[in-house]
Amino acid sequence: MRAQTKTAALGFALALGLGLAALTSPAVAQSTGMRPTALADDTCGHYTKGSTEYYRNCKETSEKIWVTYRRSSDNQHFCVPAGKQVELGYYLNVYGVYHDSWGC
Protein backbone atom coordinates (compact mmCIF):
# COMPACT_ATOMS: atom_id res chain seq x y z
CA MET A 1 0.00 0.00 0.00
CA ARG A 2 2.80 2.40 0.90
CA ALA A 3 4.56 1.82 -2.46
CA GLN A 4 1.34 2.66 -4.31
CA THR A 5 0.99 5.91 -2.35
CA LYS A 6 4.60 6.95 -3.16
CA THR A 7 4.12 6.06 -6.83
CA ALA A 8 0.88 8.04 -7.01
CA ALA A 9 2.50 11.03 -5.29
CA LEU A 10 5.48 10.88 -7.66
CA GLY A 11 3.13 10.68 -10.66
CA PHE A 12 1.14 13.67 -9.41
CA ALA A 13 4.33 15.72 -8.83
CA LEU A 14 5.59 14.89 -12.32
CA ALA A 15 2.25 15.82 -13.91
CA LEU A 16 2.14 19.05 -11.93
CA GLY A 17 5.68 19.94 -12.98
CA LEU A 18 4.95 19.27 -16.65
CA GLY A 19 1.74 21.29 -16.42
CA LEU A 20 3.54 24.26 -14.92
CA ALA A 21 6.25 24.05 -17.58
CA ALA A 22 3.59 24.14 -20.29
CA LEU A 23 1.88 27.14 -18.70
CA THR A 24 5.08 29.14 -18.39
CA SER A 25 6.34 28.35 -21.90
CA PRO A 26 5.66 31.06 -24.47
CA ALA A 27 2.83 30.38 -26.89
CA VAL A 28 4.51 32.25 -29.73
CA ALA A 29 7.99 32.07 -31.11
CA GLN A 30 10.09 34.83 -29.73
CA SER A 31 13.68 35.87 -29.88
CA THR A 32 15.33 37.22 -26.77
CA GLY A 33 18.56 36.56 -24.93
CA MET A 34 21.42 35.51 -27.15
CA ARG A 35 21.20 37.10 -30.57
CA PRO A 36 20.78 34.82 -33.59
CA THR A 37 23.62 35.24 -36.03
CA ALA A 38 23.20 35.03 -39.78
CA LEU A 39 24.79 31.87 -41.12
CA ALA A 40 24.23 32.65 -44.77
CA ASP A 41 22.61 35.26 -46.99
CA ASP A 42 19.44 33.14 -47.16
CA THR A 43 18.79 33.08 -43.39
CA CYS A 44 15.08 33.24 -42.58
CA GLY A 45 13.52 34.90 -39.54
CA HIS A 46 15.30 37.12 -37.02
CA TYR A 47 19.07 37.43 -37.24
CA THR A 48 22.00 39.76 -36.57
CA LYS A 49 24.53 40.78 -39.16
CA GLY A 50 27.31 43.01 -37.90
CA SER A 51 25.67 45.29 -35.34
CA THR A 52 22.25 45.42 -37.03
CA GLU A 53 19.19 43.20 -36.49
CA TYR A 54 17.10 42.03 -39.45
CA TYR A 55 14.03 39.94 -40.11
CA ARG A 56 13.71 38.00 -43.37
CA ASN A 57 10.41 36.47 -44.48
CA CYS A 58 11.03 33.37 -46.61
CA LYS A 59 7.33 32.51 -46.91
CA GLU A 60 5.10 33.14 -49.93
CA THR A 61 2.85 35.55 -48.04
CA SER A 62 3.58 38.77 -46.18
CA GLU A 63 4.13 38.56 -42.43
CA LYS A 64 3.34 41.02 -39.66
CA ILE A 65 5.87 41.02 -36.81
CA TRP A 66 5.92 42.86 -33.47
CA VAL A 67 9.30 44.19 -32.39
CA THR A 68 10.00 45.28 -28.83
CA TYR A 69 12.85 47.60 -28.04
CA ARG A 70 14.75 48.49 -24.88
CA ARG A 71 12.65 51.68 -24.72
CA SER A 72 9.07 50.42 -24.89
CA SER A 73 7.90 53.65 -26.54
CA ASP A 74 9.79 52.48 -29.65
CA ASN A 75 7.89 49.17 -29.96
CA GLN A 76 6.30 48.74 -33.37
CA HIS A 77 4.78 46.44 -35.98
CA PHE A 78 6.52 45.73 -39.25
CA CYS A 79 5.02 44.29 -42.39
CA VAL A 80 7.61 42.05 -44.02
CA PRO A 81 6.69 41.32 -47.66
CA ALA A 82 7.05 37.76 -48.95
CA GLY A 83 10.67 36.97 -49.78
CA LYS A 84 11.95 40.29 -48.37
CA GLN A 85 13.72 41.50 -45.25
CA VAL A 86 13.44 44.55 -43.02
CA GLU A 87 16.06 46.21 -40.88
CA LEU A 88 15.00 46.32 -37.23
CA GLY A 89 17.78 48.49 -35.81
CA TYR A 90 20.92 48.39 -33.72
CA TYR A 91 21.27 45.01 -32.00
CA LEU A 92 21.57 46.40 -28.46
CA ASN A 93 18.26 48.26 -28.82
CA VAL A 94 16.17 45.33 -30.12
CA TYR A 95 14.72 43.32 -27.22
CA GLY A 96 12.41 40.79 -28.89
CA VAL A 97 10.85 39.86 -32.22
CA TYR A 98 7.48 38.09 -32.36
CA HIS A 99 5.35 36.72 -35.17
CA ASP A 100 2.00 38.53 -35.11
CA SER A 101 0.02 37.37 -38.15
CA TRP A 102 0.16 36.48 -41.82
CA GLY A 103 -0.86 38.93 -44.50
CA CYS A 104 -0.56 42.68 -44.12
PDB file of N, CA and C in Angstrom:
ATOM      1  N   MET A   1       0.825  -1.198   0.000  1.00  0.00           N
ATOM      2  CA  MET A   1       0.000   0.000   0.000  1.00  0.00           C
ATOM      3  C   MET A   1       0.867   1.259   0.000  1.00  0.00           C
ATOM      4  N   ARG A   2       1.932   1.238   0.790  1.00  0.00           N
ATOM      5  CA  ARG A   2       2.795   2.400   0.898  1.00  0.00           C
ATOM      6  C   ARG A   2       3.507   2.683  -0.428  1.00  0.00           C
ATOM      7  N   ALA A   3       3.909   1.644  -1.160  1.00  0.00           N
ATOM      8  CA  ALA A   3       4.562   1.815  -2.461  1.00  0.00           C
ATOM      9  C   ALA A   3       3.604   2.456  -3.459  1.00  0.00           C
ATOM     10  N   GLN A   4       2.317   2.067  -3.410  1.00  0.00           N
ATOM     11  CA  GLN A   4       1.337   2.661  -4.307  1.00  0.00           C
ATOM     12  C   GLN A   4       1.144   4.140  -4.002  1.00  0.00           C
ATOM     13  N   THR A   5       1.156   4.520  -2.750  1.00  0.00           N
ATOM     14  CA  THR A   5       0.995   5.915  -2.353  1.00  0.00           C
ATOM     15  C   THR A   5       2.177   6.741  -2.838  1.00  0.00           C
ATOM     16  N   LYS A   6       3.411   6.223  -2.693  1.00  0.00           N
ATOM     17  CA  LYS A   6       4.601   6.946  -3.158  1.00  0.00           C
ATOM     18  C   LYS A   6       4.586   7.077  -4.671  1.00  0.00           C
ATOM     19  N   THR A   7       4.187   6.018  -5.366  1.00  0.00           N
ATOM     20  CA  THR A   7       4.125   6.058  -6.828  1.00  0.00           C
ATOM     21  C   THR A   7       3.079   7.065  -7.285  1.00  0.00           C
ATOM     22  N   ALA A   8       1.942   7.087  -6.647  1.00  0.00           N
ATOM     23  CA  ALA A   8       0.883   8.039  -7.006  1.00  0.00           C
ATOM     24  C   ALA A   8       1.342   9.475  -6.741  1.00  0.00           C
ATOM     25  N   ALA A   9       2.013   9.684  -5.623  1.00  0.00           N
ATOM     26  CA  ALA A   9       2.501  11.029  -5.292  1.00  0.00           C
ATOM     27  C   ALA A   9       3.562  11.468  -6.292  1.00  0.00           C
ATOM     28  N   LEU A  10       4.454  10.559  -6.681  1.00  0.00           N
ATOM     29  CA  LEU A  10       5.481  10.883  -7.664  1.00  0.00           C
ATOM     30  C   LEU A  10       4.848  11.209  -9.011  1.00  0.00           C
ATOM     31  N   GLY A  11       3.842  10.423  -9.405  1.00  0.00           N
ATOM     32  CA  GLY A  11       3.133  10.680 -10.662  1.00  0.00           C
ATOM     33  C   GLY A  11       2.444  12.031 -10.652  1.00  0.00           C
ATOM     34  N   PHE A  12       1.816  12.381  -9.546  1.00  0.00           N
ATOM     35  CA  PHE A  12       1.144  13.671  -9.414  1.00  0.00           C
ATOM     36  C   PHE A  12       2.159  14.814  -9.502  1.00  0.00           C
ATOM     37  N   ALA A  13       3.292  14.682  -8.810  1.00  0.00           N
ATOM     38  CA  ALA A  13       4.325  15.723  -8.832  1.00  0.00           C
ATOM     39  C   ALA A  13       4.877  15.906 -10.241  1.00  0.00           C
ATOM     40  N   LEU A  14       5.092  14.804 -10.946  1.00  0.00           N
ATOM     41  CA  LEU A  14       5.589  14.888 -12.317  1.00  0.00           C
ATOM     42  C   LEU A  14       4.568  15.578 -13.220  1.00  0.00           C
ATOM     43  N   ALA A  15       3.305  15.194 -13.106  1.00  0.00           N
ATOM     44  CA  ALA A  15       2.252  15.816 -13.914  1.00  0.00           C
ATOM     45  C   ALA A  15       2.127  17.301 -13.600  1.00  0.00           C
ATOM     46  N   LEU A  16       2.222  17.649 -12.328  1.00  0.00           N
ATOM     47  CA  LEU A  16       2.143  19.053 -11.928  1.00  0.00           C
ATOM     48  C   LEU A  16       3.312  19.836 -12.509  1.00  0.00           C
ATOM     49  N   GLY A  17       4.498  19.270 -12.438  1.00  0.00           N
ATOM     50  CA  GLY A  17       5.684  19.936 -12.983  1.00  0.00           C
ATOM     51  C   GLY A  17       5.578  20.140 -14.476  1.00  0.00           C
ATOM     52  N   LEU A  18       5.123  19.137 -15.205  1.00  0.00           N
ATOM     53  CA  LEU A  18       4.954  19.275 -16.652  1.00  0.00           C
ATOM     54  C   LEU A  18       3.869  20.282 -16.991  1.00  0.00           C
ATOM     55  N   GLY A  19       2.810  20.313 -16.197  1.00  0.00           N
ATOM     56  CA  GLY A  19       1.739  21.286 -16.423  1.00  0.00           C
ATOM     57  C   GLY A  19       2.217  22.713 -16.222  1.00  0.00           C
ATOM     58  N   LEU A  20       2.996  22.922 -15.176  1.00  0.00           N
ATOM     59  CA  LEU A  20       3.540  24.264 -14.924  1.00  0.00           C
ATOM     60  C   LEU A  20       4.512  24.675 -16.013  1.00  0.00           C
ATOM     61  N   ALA A  21       5.318  23.739 -16.491  1.00  0.00           N
ATOM     62  CA  ALA A  21       6.249  24.053 -17.576  1.00  0.00           C
ATOM     63  C   ALA A  21       5.496  24.465 -18.830  1.00  0.00           C
ATOM     64  N   ALA A  22       4.393  23.792 -19.116  1.00  0.00           N
ATOM     65  CA  ALA A  22       3.594  24.139 -20.290  1.00  0.00           C
ATOM     66  C   ALA A  22       2.949  25.507 -20.131  1.00  0.00           C
ATOM     67  N   LEU A  23       2.517  25.841 -18.933  1.00  0.00           N
ATOM     68  CA  LEU A  23       1.883  27.137 -18.702  1.00  0.00           C
ATOM     69  C   LEU A  23       2.870  28.283 -18.777  1.00  0.00           C
ATOM     70  N   THR A  24       4.107  28.055 -18.387  1.00  0.00           N
ATOM     71  CA  THR A  24       5.083  29.137 -18.385  1.00  0.00           C
ATOM     72  C   THR A  24       5.835  29.243 -19.692  1.00  0.00           C
ATOM     73  N   SER A  25       5.683  28.283 -20.599  1.00  0.00           N
ATOM     74  CA  SER A  25       6.340  28.347 -21.898  1.00  0.00           C
ATOM     75  C   SER A  25       5.603  29.332 -22.784  1.00  0.00           C
ATOM     76  N   PRO A  26       6.330  30.108 -23.595  1.00  0.00           N
ATOM     77  CA  PRO A  26       5.662  31.064 -24.471  1.00  0.00           C
ATOM     78  C   PRO A  26       4.852  30.365 -25.547  1.00  0.00           C
ATOM     79  N   ALA A  27       3.713  30.958 -25.893  1.00  0.00           N
ATOM     80  CA  ALA A  27       2.825  30.379 -26.895  1.00  0.00           C
ATOM     81  C   ALA A  27       3.239  30.785 -28.298  1.00  0.00           C
ATOM     82  N   VAL A  28       4.062  31.796 -28.427  1.00  0.00           N
ATOM     83  CA  VAL A  28       4.514  32.251 -29.734  1.00  0.00           C
ATOM     84  C   VAL A  28       6.027  32.207 -29.773  1.00  0.00           C
ATOM     85  N   ALA A  29       6.534  32.061 -30.963  1.00  0.00           N
ATOM     86  CA  ALA A  29       7.991  32.074 -31.108  1.00  0.00           C
ATOM     87  C   ALA A  29       8.497  33.474 -30.785  1.00  0.00           C
ATOM     88  N   GLN A  30       9.531  33.540 -30.064  1.00  0.00           N
ATOM     89  CA  GLN A  30      10.091  34.834 -29.731  1.00  0.00           C
ATOM     90  C   GLN A  30      11.600  34.736 -29.739  1.00  0.00           C
ATOM     91  N   SER A  31      12.231  35.845 -29.838  1.00  0.00           N
ATOM     92  CA  SER A  31      13.681  35.868 -29.878  1.00  0.00           C
ATOM     93  C   SER A  31      14.179  36.869 -28.856  1.00  0.00           C
ATOM     94  N   THR A  32      14.726  36.371 -27.781  1.00  0.00           N
ATOM     95  CA  THR A  32      15.331  37.221 -26.768  1.00  0.00           C
ATOM     96  C   THR A  32      16.568  36.523 -26.257  1.00  0.00           C
ATOM     97  N   GLY A  33      17.344  37.174 -25.467  1.00  0.00           N
ATOM     98  CA  GLY A  33      18.555  36.558 -24.931  1.00  0.00           C
ATOM     99  C   GLY A  33      19.673  36.643 -25.944  1.00  0.00           C
ATOM    100  N   MET A  34      20.317  35.520 -26.201  1.00  0.00           N
ATOM    101  CA  MET A  34      21.422  35.508 -27.154  1.00  0.00           C
ATOM    102  C   MET A  34      20.911  35.839 -28.544  1.00  0.00           C
ATOM    103  N   ARG A  35      21.629  36.661 -29.256  1.00  0.00           N
ATOM    104  CA  ARG A  35      21.202  37.098 -30.571  1.00  0.00           C
ATOM    105  C   ARG A  35      21.513  36.059 -31.630  1.00  0.00           C
ATOM    106  N   PRO A  36      20.527  35.751 -32.497  1.00  0.00           N
ATOM    107  CA  PRO A  36      20.781  34.816 -33.587  1.00  0.00           C
ATOM    108  C   PRO A  36      21.703  35.457 -34.613  1.00  0.00           C
ATOM    109  N   THR A  37      22.665  34.720 -35.073  1.00  0.00           N
ATOM    110  CA  THR A  37      23.623  35.243 -36.035  1.00  0.00           C
ATOM    111  C   THR A  37      23.322  34.663 -37.406  1.00  0.00           C
ATOM    112  N   ALA A  38      23.441  35.491 -38.423  1.00  0.00           N
ATOM    113  CA  ALA A  38      23.195  35.030 -39.784  1.00  0.00           C
ATOM    114  C   ALA A  38      24.275  34.034 -40.185  1.00  0.00           C
ATOM    115  N   LEU A  39      23.852  32.887 -40.672  1.00  0.00           N
ATOM    116  CA  LEU A  39      24.789  31.866 -41.120  1.00  0.00           C
ATOM    117  C   LEU A  39      25.042  31.968 -42.611  1.00  0.00           C
ATOM    118  N   ALA A  40      24.104  32.509 -43.331  1.00  0.00           N
ATOM    119  CA  ALA A  40      24.227  32.649 -44.773  1.00  0.00           C
ATOM    120  C   ALA A  40      23.321  33.790 -45.218  1.00  0.00           C
ATOM    121  N   ASP A  41      23.442  34.174 -46.477  1.00  0.00           N
ATOM    122  CA  ASP A  41      22.611  35.265 -46.992  1.00  0.00           C
ATOM    123  C   ASP A  41      21.149  34.874 -47.144  1.00  0.00           C
ATOM    124  N   ASP A  42      20.826  33.581 -47.016  1.00  0.00           N
ATOM    125  CA  ASP A  42      19.443  33.144 -47.161  1.00  0.00           C
ATOM    126  C   ASP A  42      18.810  32.780 -45.815  1.00  0.00           C
ATOM    127  N   THR A  43      19.344  33.334 -44.724  1.00  0.00           N
ATOM    128  CA  THR A  43      18.794  33.078 -43.394  1.00  0.00           C
ATOM    129  C   THR A  43      17.368  33.620 -43.311  1.00  0.00           C
ATOM    130  N   CYS A  44      16.470  32.820 -42.753  1.00  0.00           N
ATOM    131  CA  CYS A  44      15.078  33.244 -42.582  1.00  0.00           C
ATOM    132  C   CYS A  44      14.822  33.612 -41.127  1.00  0.00           C
ATOM    133  N   GLY A  45      13.871  34.512 -40.897  1.00  0.00           N
ATOM    134  CA  GLY A  45      13.524  34.903 -39.542  1.00  0.00           C
ATOM    135  C   GLY A  45      14.414  36.024 -39.027  1.00  0.00           C
ATOM    136  N   HIS A  46      14.563  36.058 -37.718  1.00  0.00           N
ATOM    137  CA  HIS A  46      15.297  37.121 -37.019  1.00  0.00           C
ATOM    138  C   HIS A  46      16.774  36.759 -36.938  1.00  0.00           C
ATOM    139  N   TYR A  47      17.635  37.679 -37.328  1.00  0.00           N
ATOM    140  CA  TYR A  47      19.071  37.430 -37.235  1.00  0.00           C
ATOM    141  C   TYR A  47      19.834  38.741 -37.112  1.00  0.00           C
ATOM    142  N   THR A  48      21.095  38.621 -36.715  1.00  0.00           N
ATOM    143  CA  THR A  48      21.995  39.758 -36.566  1.00  0.00           C
ATOM    144  C   THR A  48      23.110  39.638 -37.591  1.00  0.00           C
ATOM    145  N   LYS A  49      23.401  40.732 -38.242  1.00  0.00           N
ATOM    146  CA  LYS A  49      24.531  40.784 -39.163  1.00  0.00           C
ATOM    147  C   LYS A  49      25.303  42.047 -38.830  1.00  0.00           C
ATOM    148  N   GLY A  50      26.551  41.862 -38.386  1.00  0.00           N
ATOM    149  CA  GLY A  50      27.314  43.008 -37.896  1.00  0.00           C
ATOM    150  C   GLY A  50      26.681  43.491 -36.601  1.00  0.00           C
ATOM    151  N   SER A  51      26.308  44.754 -36.539  1.00  0.00           N
ATOM    152  CA  SER A  51      25.666  45.292 -35.337  1.00  0.00           C
ATOM    153  C   SER A  51      24.205  45.658 -35.585  1.00  0.00           C
ATOM    154  N   THR A  52      23.626  45.100 -36.661  1.00  0.00           N
ATOM    155  CA  THR A  52      22.246  45.420 -37.028  1.00  0.00           C
ATOM    156  C   THR A  52      21.387  44.162 -37.011  1.00  0.00           C
ATOM    157  N   GLU A  53      20.164  44.304 -36.525  1.00  0.00           N
ATOM    158  CA  GLU A  53      19.192  43.203 -36.490  1.00  0.00           C
ATOM    159  C   GLU A  53      18.294  43.292 -37.723  1.00  0.00           C
ATOM    160  N   TYR A  54      17.960  42.122 -38.275  1.00  0.00           N
ATOM    161  CA  TYR A  54      17.102  42.026 -39.448  1.00  0.00           C
ATOM    162  C   TYR A  54      16.049  40.958 -39.224  1.00  0.00           C
ATOM    163  N   TYR A  55      15.011  41.016 -40.057  1.00  0.00           N
ATOM    164  CA  TYR A  55      14.029  39.937 -40.107  1.00  0.00           C
ATOM    165  C   TYR A  55      13.764  39.642 -41.570  1.00  0.00           C
ATOM    166  N   ARG A  56      13.967  38.399 -41.989  1.00  0.00           N
ATOM    167  CA  ARG A  56      13.711  37.999 -43.368  1.00  0.00           C
ATOM    168  C   ARG A  56      12.524  37.035 -43.394  1.00  0.00           C
ATOM    169  N   ASN A  57      11.593  37.319 -44.277  1.00  0.00           N
ATOM    170  CA  ASN A  57      10.413  36.469 -44.476  1.00  0.00           C
ATOM    171  C   ASN A  57      10.653  35.601 -45.705  1.00  0.00           C
ATOM    172  N   CYS A  58      10.794  34.308 -45.512  1.00  0.00           N
ATOM    173  CA  CYS A  58      11.025  33.366 -46.611  1.00  0.00           C
ATOM    174  C   CYS A  58       9.744  32.697 -47.081  1.00  0.00           C
ATOM    175  N   LYS A  59       8.616  33.104 -46.540  1.00  0.00           N
ATOM    176  CA  LYS A  59       7.326  32.511 -46.914  1.00  0.00           C
ATOM    177  C   LYS A  59       6.797  33.163 -48.194  1.00  0.00           C
ATOM    178  N   GLU A  60       5.709  32.616 -48.703  1.00  0.00           N
ATOM    179  CA  GLU A  60       5.099  33.136 -49.931  1.00  0.00           C
ATOM    180  C   GLU A  60       4.009  34.160 -49.664  1.00  0.00           C
ATOM    181  N   THR A  61       3.842  34.540 -48.402  1.00  0.00           N
ATOM    182  CA  THR A  61       2.851  35.552 -48.042  1.00  0.00           C
ATOM    183  C   THR A  61       3.510  36.547 -47.090  1.00  0.00           C
ATOM    184  N   SER A  62       3.005  37.761 -47.069  1.00  0.00           N
ATOM    185  CA  SER A  62       3.580  38.768 -46.183  1.00  0.00           C
ATOM    186  C   SER A  62       3.341  38.386 -44.726  1.00  0.00           C
ATOM    187  N   GLU A  63       4.198  38.904 -43.852  1.00  0.00           N
ATOM    188  CA  GLU A  63       4.130  38.564 -42.432  1.00  0.00           C
ATOM    189  C   GLU A  63       4.193  39.835 -41.597  1.00  0.00           C
ATOM    190  N   LYS A  64       3.345  39.891 -40.587  1.00  0.00           N
ATOM    191  CA  LYS A  64       3.340  41.019 -39.659  1.00  0.00           C
ATOM    192  C   LYS A  64       4.091  40.571 -38.401  1.00  0.00           C
ATOM    193  N   ILE A  65       5.111  41.340 -38.013  1.00  0.00           N
ATOM    194  CA  ILE A  65       5.871  41.025 -36.806  1.00  0.00           C
ATOM    195  C   ILE A  65       5.783  42.187 -35.825  1.00  0.00           C
ATOM    196  N   TRP A  66       5.924  41.878 -34.550  1.00  0.00           N
ATOM    197  CA  TRP A  66       5.916  42.856 -33.471  1.00  0.00           C
ATOM    198  C   TRP A  66       7.329  42.879 -32.900  1.00  0.00           C
ATOM    199  N   VAL A  67       7.939  44.051 -32.885  1.00  0.00           N
ATOM    200  CA  VAL A  67       9.303  44.188 -32.386  1.00  0.00           C
ATOM    201  C   VAL A  67       9.277  45.042 -31.135  1.00  0.00           C
ATOM    202  N   THR A  68       9.883  44.510 -30.063  1.00  0.00           N
ATOM    203  CA  THR A  68       9.995  45.275 -28.825  1.00  0.00           C
ATOM    204  C   THR A  68      11.438  45.759 -28.704  1.00  0.00           C
ATOM    205  N   TYR A  69      11.550  46.959 -28.178  1.00  0.00           N
ATOM    206  CA  TYR A  69      12.850  47.602 -28.041  1.00  0.00           C
ATOM    207  C   TYR A  69      13.136  47.883 -26.569  1.00  0.00           C
ATOM    208  N   ARG A  70      14.359  48.184 -26.261  1.00  0.00           N
ATOM    209  CA  ARG A  70      14.750  48.494 -24.876  1.00  0.00           C
ATOM    210  C   ARG A  70      13.884  49.610 -24.306  1.00  0.00           C
ATOM    211  N   ARG A  71      13.610  50.633 -25.123  1.00  0.00           N
ATOM    212  CA  ARG A  71      12.645  51.675 -24.725  1.00  0.00           C
ATOM    213  C   ARG A  71      11.298  51.266 -25.286  1.00  0.00           C
ATOM    214  N   SER A  72      10.352  50.956 -24.427  1.00  0.00           N
ATOM    215  CA  SER A  72       9.069  50.418 -24.891  1.00  0.00           C
ATOM    216  C   SER A  72       8.297  51.400 -25.774  1.00  0.00           C
ATOM    217  N   SER A  73       8.599  52.684 -25.684  1.00  0.00           N
ATOM    218  CA  SER A  73       7.901  53.654 -26.538  1.00  0.00           C
ATOM    219  C   SER A  73       8.283  53.465 -28.006  1.00  0.00           C
ATOM    220  N   ASP A  74       9.364  52.722 -28.275  1.00  0.00           N
ATOM    221  CA  ASP A  74       9.793  52.479 -29.651  1.00  0.00           C
ATOM    222  C   ASP A  74       9.192  51.214 -30.253  1.00  0.00           C
ATOM    223  N   ASN A  75       8.455  50.422 -29.462  1.00  0.00           N
ATOM    224  CA  ASN A  75       7.888  49.167 -29.961  1.00  0.00           C
ATOM    225  C   ASN A  75       7.025  49.435 -31.185  1.00  0.00           C
ATOM    226  N   GLN A  76       7.094  48.521 -32.166  1.00  0.00           N
ATOM    227  CA  GLN A  76       6.300  48.736 -33.370  1.00  0.00           C
ATOM    228  C   GLN A  76       6.089  47.458 -34.165  1.00  0.00           C
ATOM    229  N   HIS A  77       5.060  47.507 -35.026  1.00  0.00           N
ATOM    230  CA  HIS A  77       4.779  46.439 -35.975  1.00  0.00           C
ATOM    231  C   HIS A  77       5.534  46.709 -37.263  1.00  0.00           C
ATOM    232  N   PHE A  78       5.937  45.642 -37.917  1.00  0.00           N
ATOM    233  CA  PHE A  78       6.523  45.733 -39.247  1.00  0.00           C
ATOM    234  C   PHE A  78       5.767  44.777 -40.147  1.00  0.00           C
ATOM    235  N   CYS A  79       5.545  45.184 -41.379  1.00  0.00           N
ATOM    236  CA  CYS A  79       5.019  44.286 -42.394  1.00  0.00           C
ATOM    237  C   CYS A  79       6.209  43.866 -43.239  1.00  0.00           C
ATOM    238  N   VAL A  80       6.473  42.565 -43.259  1.00  0.00           N
ATOM    239  CA  VAL A  80       7.606  42.051 -44.023  1.00  0.00           C
ATOM    240  C   VAL A  80       7.035  41.349 -45.259  1.00  0.00           C
ATOM    241  N   PRO A  81       7.233  41.936 -46.443  1.00  0.00           N
ATOM    242  CA  PRO A  81       6.692  41.323 -47.659  1.00  0.00           C
ATOM    243  C   PRO A  81       7.289  39.934 -47.904  1.00  0.00           C
ATOM    244  N   ALA A  82       6.574  39.111 -48.629  1.00  0.00           N
ATOM    245  CA  ALA A  82       7.050  37.760 -48.951  1.00  0.00           C
ATOM    246  C   ALA A  82       8.403  37.834 -49.648  1.00  0.00           C
ATOM    247  N   GLY A  83       9.350  37.035 -49.165  1.00  0.00           N
ATOM    248  CA  GLY A  83      10.669  36.970 -49.775  1.00  0.00           C
ATOM    249  C   GLY A  83      11.552  38.180 -49.532  1.00  0.00           C
ATOM    250  N   LYS A  84      11.179  39.060 -48.632  1.00  0.00           N
ATOM    251  CA  LYS A  84      11.948  40.290 -48.370  1.00  0.00           C
ATOM    252  C   LYS A  84      12.425  40.321 -46.924  1.00  0.00           C
ATOM    253  N   GLN A  85      13.263  41.310 -46.622  1.00  0.00           N
ATOM    254  CA  GLN A  85      13.724  41.503 -45.248  1.00  0.00           C
ATOM    255  C   GLN A  85      13.564  42.960 -44.854  1.00  0.00           C
ATOM    256  N   VAL A  86      13.477  43.190 -43.542  1.00  0.00           N
ATOM    257  CA  VAL A  86      13.435  44.545 -43.016  1.00  0.00           C
ATOM    258  C   VAL A  86      14.545  44.688 -41.980  1.00  0.00           C
ATOM    259  N   GLU A  87      15.060  45.887 -41.891  1.00  0.00           N
ATOM    260  CA  GLU A  87      16.063  46.209 -40.876  1.00  0.00           C
ATOM    261  C   GLU A  87      15.324  46.634 -39.614  1.00  0.00           C
ATOM    262  N   LEU A  88      15.688  46.028 -38.480  1.00  0.00           N
ATOM    263  CA  LEU A  88      15.004  46.318 -37.228  1.00  0.00           C
ATOM    264  C   LEU A  88      15.730  47.346 -36.378  1.00  0.00           C
ATOM    265  N   GLY A  89      17.022  47.507 -36.568  1.00  0.00           N
ATOM    266  CA  GLY A  89      17.777  48.490 -35.813  1.00  0.00           C
ATOM    267  C   GLY A  89      19.033  47.916 -35.192  1.00  0.00           C
ATOM    268  N   TYR A  90      19.673  48.750 -34.403  1.00  0.00           N
ATOM    269  CA  TYR A  90      20.920  48.395 -33.723  1.00  0.00           C
ATOM    270  C   TYR A  90      20.662  47.251 -32.753  1.00  0.00           C
ATOM    271  N   TYR A  91      21.534  46.242 -32.740  1.00  0.00           N
ATOM    272  CA  TYR A  91      21.271  45.006 -31.997  1.00  0.00           C
ATOM    273  C   TYR A  91      21.113  45.200 -30.493  1.00  0.00           C
ATOM    274  N   LEU A  92      21.733  46.194 -29.898  1.00  0.00           N
ATOM    275  CA  LEU A  92      21.569  46.405 -28.455  1.00  0.00           C
ATOM    276  C   LEU A  92      20.235  47.043 -28.098  1.00  0.00           C
ATOM    277  N   ASN A  93      19.555  47.624 -29.077  1.00  0.00           N
ATOM    278  CA  ASN A  93      18.264  48.262 -28.825  1.00  0.00           C
ATOM    279  C   ASN A  93      17.082  47.311 -29.014  1.00  0.00           C
ATOM    280  N   VAL A  94      17.255  46.277 -29.848  1.00  0.00           N
ATOM    281  CA  VAL A  94      16.166  45.330 -30.117  1.00  0.00           C
ATOM    282  C   VAL A  94      16.087  44.334 -28.970  1.00  0.00           C
ATOM    283  N   TYR A  95      14.900  44.224 -28.363  1.00  0.00           N
ATOM    284  CA  TYR A  95      14.719  43.322 -27.223  1.00  0.00           C
ATOM    285  C   TYR A  95      14.103  41.997 -27.645  1.00  0.00           C
ATOM    286  N   GLY A  96      13.071  42.025 -28.473  1.00  0.00           N
ATOM    287  CA  GLY A  96      12.413  40.795 -28.889  1.00  0.00           C
ATOM    288  C   GLY A  96      11.698  40.972 -30.216  1.00  0.00           C
ATOM    289  N   VAL A  97      11.540  39.867 -30.941  1.00  0.00           N
ATOM    290  CA  VAL A  97      10.849  39.862 -32.225  1.00  0.00           C
ATOM    291  C   VAL A  97       9.833  38.738 -32.186  1.00  0.00           C
ATOM    292  N   TYR A  98       8.580  39.052 -32.495  1.00  0.00           N
ATOM    293  CA  TYR A  98       7.483  38.092 -32.360  1.00  0.00           C
ATOM    294  C   TYR A  98       6.654  38.052 -33.635  1.00  0.00           C
ATOM    295  N   HIS A  99       6.287  36.857 -34.054  1.00  0.00           N
ATOM    296  CA  HIS A  99       5.349  36.718 -35.172  1.00  0.00           C
ATOM    297  C   HIS A  99       3.984  37.192 -34.689  1.00  0.00           C
ATOM    298  N   ASP A 100       3.321  38.021 -35.475  1.00  0.00           N
ATOM    299  CA  ASP A 100       1.998  38.529 -35.111  1.00  0.00           C
ATOM    300  C   ASP A 100       0.914  37.870 -35.957  1.00  0.00           C
ATOM    301  N   SER A 101       1.033  37.959 -37.277  1.00  0.00           N
ATOM    302  CA  SER A 101       0.021  37.371 -38.150  1.00  0.00           C
ATOM    303  C   SER A 101       0.558  37.276 -39.572  1.00  0.00           C
ATOM    304  N   TRP A 102      -0.175  36.572 -40.412  1.00  0.00           N
ATOM    305  CA  TRP A 102       0.160  36.478 -41.821  1.00  0.00           C
ATOM    306  C   TRP A 102      -0.690  37.461 -42.606  1.00  0.00           C
ATOM    307  N   GLY A 103      -0.130  38.011 -43.651  1.00  0.00           N
ATOM    308  CA  GLY A 103      -0.861  38.934 -44.504  1.00  0.00           C
ATOM    309  C   GLY A 103      -0.954  40.310 -43.893  1.00  0.00           C
ATOM    310  N   CYS A 104      -0.467  41.293 -44.603  1.00  0.00           N
ATOM    311  CA  CYS A 104      -0.559  42.684 -44.125  1.00  0.00           C
ATOM    312  C   CYS A 104      -0.425  43.631 -45.296  1.00  0.00           C
TER     313      CYS A 104
END
